[in-house]
Protein backbone atom coordinates (compact mmCIF):
# COMPACT_ATOMS: atom_id res chain seq x y z
CA MET A 1 91.05 -36.83 -129.84
CA GLY A 2 92.17 -34.02 -128.18
CA ASN A 3 88.51 -33.74 -126.64
CA LEU A 4 88.84 -36.59 -125.14
CA PHE A 5 92.25 -35.62 -123.46
CA SER A 6 90.29 -32.40 -122.57
CA LEU A 7 87.32 -34.48 -121.12
CA VAL A 8 90.36 -36.76 -119.10
CA ALA A 9 92.06 -33.31 -117.76
CA LEU A 10 89.10 -31.54 -116.81
CA SER A 11 87.98 -34.80 -114.77
CA ALA A 12 91.18 -35.21 -112.93
CA VAL A 13 91.08 -31.42 -112.32
CA HIS A 14 87.58 -31.44 -110.27
CA ILE A 15 88.93 -34.37 -109.07
CA ALA A 16 92.17 -32.80 -107.26
CA LEU A 17 90.19 -29.63 -106.72
CA ILE A 18 87.62 -31.78 -104.13
CA CYS A 19 89.97 -33.91 -102.72
CA ILE A 20 92.41 -30.74 -101.79
CA LEU A 21 90.06 -27.71 -101.17
CA PRO A 22 88.58 -27.45 -97.69
CA LYS A 23 85.05 -28.87 -97.41
CA LYS A 24 83.30 -25.03 -97.43
CA VAL A 25 85.34 -24.29 -100.64
CA VAL A 26 83.31 -25.37 -103.72
CA PRO A 27 85.44 -26.19 -106.58
CA LEU A 28 84.73 -24.98 -109.98
CA SER A 29 82.07 -26.53 -111.87
CA CYS A 30 82.77 -28.23 -114.94
CA ARG A 31 80.65 -25.92 -116.92
CA LYS A 32 82.74 -23.06 -115.47
CA VAL A 33 85.92 -24.69 -116.24
CA ASN A 34 84.84 -25.98 -119.51
CA ASN A 35 84.22 -21.78 -120.15
CA LEU A 36 88.18 -21.36 -119.06
CA MET A 37 89.27 -23.58 -120.79
CA LEU A 38 87.59 -22.35 -124.11
CA THR A 39 88.06 -18.79 -123.61
CA SER A 40 91.33 -17.25 -126.20
CA THR A 41 92.98 -15.26 -123.03
CA ASN A 42 93.12 -18.42 -121.07
CA ARG A 43 93.26 -21.23 -123.21
CA HIS A 44 97.30 -21.38 -122.16
CA ILE A 45 96.64 -22.73 -118.80
CA PHE A 46 95.84 -26.22 -120.49
CA LEU A 47 98.57 -27.84 -122.02
CA HIS A 48 98.06 -29.79 -125.07
CA SER A 49 100.18 -32.76 -124.76
CA PRO A 50 98.80 -35.75 -123.95
CA PHE A 51 101.28 -36.51 -121.91
CA HIS A 52 100.23 -33.70 -119.97
CA TYR A 53 96.43 -34.64 -119.79
CA LEU A 54 97.11 -37.80 -118.41
CA LEU A 55 99.70 -36.64 -115.80
CA PHE A 56 96.92 -34.29 -114.19
CA LEU A 57 94.57 -37.51 -114.38
CA VAL A 58 97.24 -38.86 -112.11
CA LEU A 59 98.01 -36.14 -109.84
CA GLY A 60 94.18 -35.92 -109.19
CA LEU A 61 93.75 -39.38 -108.52
CA GLY A 62 97.10 -39.33 -106.59
CA SER A 63 95.82 -36.55 -104.53
CA CYS A 64 92.42 -37.94 -103.55
CA SER A 65 94.27 -41.24 -102.43
CA PHE A 66 96.74 -39.38 -100.34
CA MET A 67 94.03 -37.26 -98.68
CA GLN A 68 92.53 -40.45 -97.69
CA LYS A 69 95.05 -42.29 -96.39
CA GLN A 70 95.10 -39.01 -94.44
CA ARG A 71 91.88 -38.81 -92.74
CA ASP A 72 92.26 -42.44 -92.32
CA SER A 73 94.82 -41.74 -90.56
CA ARG A 74 93.33 -39.04 -88.05
CA ASP A 75 90.23 -41.61 -87.15
CA ILE A 76 92.84 -43.98 -85.79
CA VAL A 77 93.36 -43.40 -81.89
CA ALA A 78 95.77 -46.33 -81.44
CA GLU A 79 97.89 -48.73 -83.23
CA TYR A 80 99.97 -51.94 -82.43
CA ASP A 81 101.17 -54.11 -85.40
CA GLY A 82 98.60 -53.65 -88.16
CA LYS A 83 95.56 -54.12 -84.93
CA THR A 84 93.44 -50.36 -84.72
CA ILE A 85 91.28 -48.79 -82.01
CA THR A 86 89.27 -46.20 -84.62
CA ARG A 87 87.88 -43.00 -83.20
CA LEU A 88 84.27 -44.43 -84.35
CA GLU A 89 85.05 -47.34 -81.64
CA ILE A 90 85.80 -45.11 -78.68
CA ASN A 91 83.15 -43.05 -79.32
CA ALA A 92 80.44 -45.73 -78.88
CA LEU A 93 82.20 -46.98 -76.11
CA THR A 94 81.98 -43.45 -73.86
CA MET A 95 77.91 -42.25 -75.31
CA GLY A 96 76.35 -40.67 -72.81
CA MET A 97 79.79 -40.15 -70.77
CA ASN A 98 80.75 -36.33 -69.36
CA ALA A 99 84.03 -35.29 -70.16
CA GLU A 100 86.17 -36.29 -68.01
CA ASP A 101 84.35 -40.26 -67.52
CA SER A 102 84.79 -40.60 -71.41
CA ALA A 103 88.77 -39.24 -71.20
CA ARG A 104 89.40 -42.00 -68.49
CA ALA A 105 87.04 -44.63 -69.84
CA ALA A 106 89.23 -44.39 -73.38
CA GLU A 107 92.08 -44.07 -71.89
CA GLN A 108 91.93 -47.50 -69.40
CA TYR A 109 90.51 -49.43 -72.73
CA ILE A 110 93.55 -48.27 -75.31
CA ARG A 111 95.57 -49.55 -72.00
CA GLN A 112 94.33 -52.72 -71.75
CA TRP A 113 94.14 -53.26 -75.61
CA ALA A 114 97.55 -52.56 -76.01
CA ILE A 115 98.86 -55.01 -73.00
CA ASP A 116 96.75 -57.51 -74.26
CA LEU A 117 98.46 -57.23 -77.73
CA ILE A 118 101.69 -56.96 -76.28
CA GLU A 119 101.78 -60.18 -73.67
CA TYR A 120 99.55 -61.98 -76.47
CA ASP A 121 102.59 -60.80 -78.64
CA ARG A 122 105.29 -62.27 -76.37
CA ALA A 123 103.94 -65.37 -74.79
CA LYS A 124 103.12 -66.71 -78.29
CA ASP A 125 107.00 -66.49 -79.31
CA VAL A 126 107.57 -68.71 -76.07
CA PRO A 127 107.40 -72.86 -77.06
CA ASN A 128 104.58 -74.39 -74.97
CA LYS A 129 104.03 -78.10 -76.03
CA ASP A 130 101.13 -77.85 -73.31
CA ILE A 131 99.07 -75.14 -74.72
CA GLU A 132 99.27 -76.40 -78.16
CA ARG A 133 97.79 -79.37 -76.86
CA LEU A 134 95.15 -77.57 -75.13
CA VAL A 135 94.21 -75.74 -78.32
CA GLU A 136 93.97 -79.08 -79.73
CA ASP A 137 92.01 -80.61 -77.42
CA TYR A 138 89.86 -77.79 -77.03
CA ARG A 139 89.34 -77.55 -80.33
CA HIS A 140 88.65 -81.07 -80.99
CA SER A 141 86.10 -80.50 -78.53
CA LEU A 142 84.19 -78.13 -80.05
CA TYR A 143 83.67 -79.99 -83.52
CA VAL A 144 82.54 -82.59 -81.45
CA HIS A 145 80.48 -81.03 -79.47
CA GLU A 146 78.51 -78.84 -82.60
CA TYR A 147 78.62 -82.31 -84.69
CA GLU A 148 76.63 -83.91 -81.65
CA GLU A 149 74.08 -80.73 -81.17
CA ARG A 150 73.34 -80.96 -84.67
CA LEU A 151 72.68 -84.79 -84.39
CA ILE A 152 70.59 -83.88 -81.89
CA ALA A 153 68.54 -81.41 -83.06
CA GLN A 154 67.87 -83.43 -85.81
CA ARG A 155 67.04 -86.30 -85.12
CA MET A 156 66.59 -86.96 -81.48
CA ASP A 157 62.74 -87.31 -80.32
CA LYS A 158 61.96 -84.09 -78.34
CA ASN A 159 58.04 -85.14 -77.90
CA VAL A 160 57.15 -86.27 -74.20
CA THR A 161 53.79 -87.62 -73.62
CA ASP A 162 51.68 -86.84 -70.86
CA SER A 163 51.59 -90.55 -69.70
CA VAL A 164 55.05 -90.30 -69.09
CA VAL A 165 55.26 -87.50 -67.28
CA VAL A 166 52.62 -88.81 -65.22
CA GLN A 167 54.50 -91.85 -64.32
CA PHE A 168 57.32 -90.18 -63.82
CA TYR A 169 55.61 -87.94 -61.55
CA ASN A 170 54.31 -90.44 -59.59
CA THR A 171 57.64 -92.42 -59.32
CA HIS A 172 59.78 -89.64 -57.91
CA SER A 173 57.03 -86.79 -56.36
CA GLN A 174 58.78 -86.91 -53.28
CA TYR A 175 61.50 -84.36 -55.34
CA PHE A 176 58.47 -82.08 -56.29
CA THR A 177 58.03 -79.98 -53.55
CA LEU A 178 56.59 -76.42 -53.07
CA GLN A 179 59.18 -73.79 -52.36
CA GLU A 180 56.57 -71.46 -52.77
CA THR A 181 53.05 -71.25 -52.19
CA ILE A 182 51.00 -70.83 -55.49
CA LEU A 183 47.60 -70.45 -57.32
CA ARG A 184 44.78 -70.18 -59.71
CA GLY A 185 42.22 -67.60 -60.33
CA VAL A 186 41.47 -63.67 -60.98
CA LEU A 187 42.50 -60.72 -60.08
CA LEU A 188 41.00 -57.73 -60.35
CA VAL A 189 41.75 -53.86 -59.81
CA VAL A 190 38.81 -50.92 -59.74
CA GLN A 191 38.85 -47.54 -58.62
CA ASN A 192 37.51 -46.73 -55.34
CA GLY A 193 33.74 -46.65 -55.61
CA ALA A 194 33.52 -48.28 -58.97
CA PRO A 195 29.62 -49.52 -59.86
CA ASN A 196 27.98 -53.20 -58.88
CA MET A 197 30.72 -53.82 -56.99
CA ASP A 198 28.03 -56.52 -55.23
CA LYS A 199 27.68 -58.48 -58.46
CA LEU A 200 31.60 -58.31 -59.14
CA ARG A 201 32.10 -60.31 -56.07
CA LYS A 202 28.93 -62.56 -56.81
CA TRP A 203 30.35 -63.32 -60.34
CA LEU A 204 33.83 -63.82 -58.84
CA LEU A 205 32.47 -66.72 -56.26
CA ALA A 206 32.13 -69.00 -59.17
CA PRO A 207 34.43 -67.70 -61.95
CA ALA A 208 34.64 -70.81 -63.90
CA ASP A 209 31.06 -70.87 -64.71
CA GLU A 210 31.40 -68.99 -68.48
CA THR A 211 28.23 -66.60 -67.73
CA ASN A 212 30.18 -65.17 -65.06
CA ILE A 213 33.30 -65.41 -67.13
CA GLU A 214 31.82 -63.13 -69.63
CA ASP A 215 30.21 -60.79 -67.28
CA ILE A 216 33.62 -60.40 -65.24
CA GLU A 217 35.56 -59.51 -68.74
CA LYS A 218 32.98 -57.17 -69.70
CA TYR A 219 32.81 -55.09 -66.69
CA ALA A 220 36.80 -55.67 -66.54
CA TYR A 221 36.81 -53.81 -69.66
CA GLN A 222 34.96 -50.57 -68.28
CA TYR A 223 35.94 -50.05 -64.85
CA ALA A 224 39.23 -52.04 -64.07
CA THR A 225 42.63 -50.43 -63.98
CA GLY A 226 44.04 -54.14 -63.91
CA TYR A 227 43.14 -57.57 -64.67
CA GLU A 228 44.08 -60.59 -64.73
CA LEU A 229 42.68 -64.15 -65.69
CA PHE A 230 44.47 -67.29 -64.62
CA LEU A 231 42.38 -69.95 -64.34
CA ASP A 232 44.19 -73.03 -66.17
CA GLU A 233 48.03 -71.30 -64.78
CA TRP A 234 49.63 -71.72 -61.63
CA LYS A 235 51.34 -68.34 -60.72
CA PRO A 236 53.36 -67.76 -57.33
CA ALA A 237 51.99 -65.98 -54.73
CA ASN A 238 54.83 -63.45 -55.12
CA GLN A 239 54.10 -62.56 -58.54
CA ILE A 240 50.37 -61.82 -57.75
CA LEU A 241 50.96 -59.93 -54.74
CA MET A 242 53.34 -57.55 -55.93
CA ARG A 243 50.12 -56.49 -57.79
CA MET A 244 48.11 -56.05 -54.46
CA PRO A 245 48.77 -54.19 -50.85
CA LEU A 246 49.25 -56.92 -49.37
CA THR A 247 52.40 -59.33 -47.61
CA GLN A 248 52.38 -63.17 -47.50
CA ASP A 249 51.17 -63.73 -44.17
CA ASP A 250 48.17 -61.57 -44.70
CA LEU A 251 47.42 -63.36 -47.76
CA GLN A 252 47.86 -66.62 -46.19
CA LYS A 253 45.57 -65.72 -43.20
CA GLN A 254 42.91 -64.51 -45.01
CA LEU A 255 42.36 -67.91 -47.41
CA ARG A 256 42.34 -69.51 -44.21
CA LEU A 257 39.06 -68.02 -43.81
CA HIS A 258 37.67 -67.56 -47.10
CA ARG A 259 38.67 -67.65 -51.21
CA GLN A 260 38.11 -63.93 -51.84
CA VAL A 261 40.14 -61.63 -50.95
CA GLU A 262 39.44 -57.53 -50.86
CA VAL A 263 41.95 -54.85 -49.55
CA GLN A 264 41.82 -51.28 -50.28
CA ASP A 265 44.33 -48.28 -50.44
CA SER A 266 43.61 -44.92 -51.30
CA THR A 267 42.88 -44.82 -54.68
CA HIS A 268 41.86 -48.64 -55.88
CA THR A 269 40.13 -51.84 -54.42
CA TYR A 270 41.73 -54.96 -55.25
CA LEU A 271 39.83 -58.37 -55.36
CA LEU A 272 41.64 -62.00 -55.52
CA GLN A 273 39.36 -64.91 -56.21
CA VAL A 274 41.43 -68.18 -55.61
CA THR A 275 40.36 -71.34 -56.87
CA ASP A 276 43.27 -73.25 -56.20
CA ILE A 277 46.20 -73.01 -54.00
CA TYR A 278 49.58 -75.25 -53.15
CA HIS A 279 51.70 -73.85 -49.92
CA THR A 280 55.29 -74.15 -49.55
CA GLY A 281 56.24 -77.46 -48.48
CA GLU A 282 53.24 -79.52 -50.37
CA PRO A 283 53.90 -81.58 -53.51
CA MET A 284 53.75 -79.64 -56.94
CA PRO A 285 50.85 -80.47 -58.79
CA VAL A 286 51.98 -82.27 -62.26
CA GLU A 287 51.31 -79.96 -64.34
CA TYR A 288 53.15 -77.43 -62.33
CA ALA A 289 55.80 -79.71 -62.39
CA ARG A 290 55.55 -81.10 -65.65
CA PRO A 291 58.17 -78.18 -67.27
CA GLU A 292 60.89 -79.65 -64.99
CA ILE A 293 60.14 -83.25 -65.05
CA GLU A 294 60.25 -82.85 -69.67
CA LYS A 295 63.76 -81.25 -68.90
CA ILE A 296 64.85 -83.97 -66.72
CA LEU A 297 63.58 -86.69 -69.25
CA LEU A 298 65.02 -84.87 -72.27
CA ASN A 299 67.97 -85.03 -71.02
CA ARG A 300 68.13 -88.72 -70.22
CA ARG A 301 66.97 -89.34 -73.87
CA GLN A 302 69.99 -87.23 -75.28
CA VAL A 303 72.40 -89.05 -73.34
CA ALA A 304 70.83 -92.53 -74.22
CA PHE A 305 70.86 -90.80 -77.55
CA ILE A 306 74.54 -90.22 -77.74
CA GLU A 307 75.60 -93.12 -76.51
CA THR A 308 73.37 -95.17 -78.84
CA GLU A 309 75.68 -92.62 -82.11
CA ARG A 310 78.42 -93.27 -80.89
CA GLU A 311 78.13 -97.06 -80.19
CA THR A 312 77.11 -97.19 -84.19
CA LEU A 313 80.06 -95.01 -85.47
CA TYR A 314 82.39 -97.64 -83.53
CA ARG A 315 81.02 -100.64 -84.85
CA GLN A 316 80.74 -98.80 -88.90
CA ALA A 317 84.69 -97.84 -88.31
CA LEU A 318 85.07 -101.83 -87.70
CA ARG A 319 82.69 -102.88 -90.38
CA ASP A 320 85.09 -100.13 -93.05
CA ARG A 321 88.31 -100.86 -91.59
CA LYS A 322 88.97 -97.48 -90.76
CA LEU A 323 89.31 -98.87 -87.49
CA LYS A 324 92.08 -101.53 -86.41
CA ARG A 325 92.25 -103.76 -83.82
CA ASN A 326 94.39 -106.11 -82.64
């Protein structure tokens, strides 16, 4: 029994030393404390009463709790009514700032945080039935919105067929007018003086040909510093021109003469082969308009779906006599 209390006391002393001593001071190891206790000359420093062993333990644990509270309080930079801002939050806010900007940002953040809490504290004590009603209305709307969104996600058909898209496009084609030039084709960027340029130009004249595509891709792999194949995808001309030393007007002028555009700067040659093009103000091709059409159709379908669901709920409430009409 005495040995047990001795171990408890040793643990308490060790805990107390860890909590109280500065970090750079290493407390005695268990072995050294053991030796200290067991030597006859030093045995008197430990009391043999069980009460004193427990007292050591309580003091050790209590000192840890006290020191932890002190550390926690040092980490808090502002406190109001139990709510706190910690040094960690401020450090994250001001990371990368110099000392002056950091201090200014921290002060502004703490002041605004405090003002918001103080104002809310004062305002919530002022009776205002309108605010309570607005809060309840907003809460009601959030619940209903979440319920309807879940119904749409789980039960509404989101598939839009090609025939439906084409039918809608044909009926409303006047609303699908291009606001910018779009095109399809191939773009290659090679260093000036790259070999076999004549062959490359020839392959680009018919890029849809399977053999030519293979030759173009092999050439691009060996010599191109930039390569984009968009035969099946419409791209805005401005997006392509960002990769070429050419203006929109210059591109339009060259495309009136031929579909292969070639320009150079001091280091590179840029070859653009345009297979299809629609200009600003022209009707969109149906495949380019498809994403917008799908969005319109799905929005309409969603409205009809929710109206049907609401009507179903209404009739069910009448049948279950949850809703009573006089």
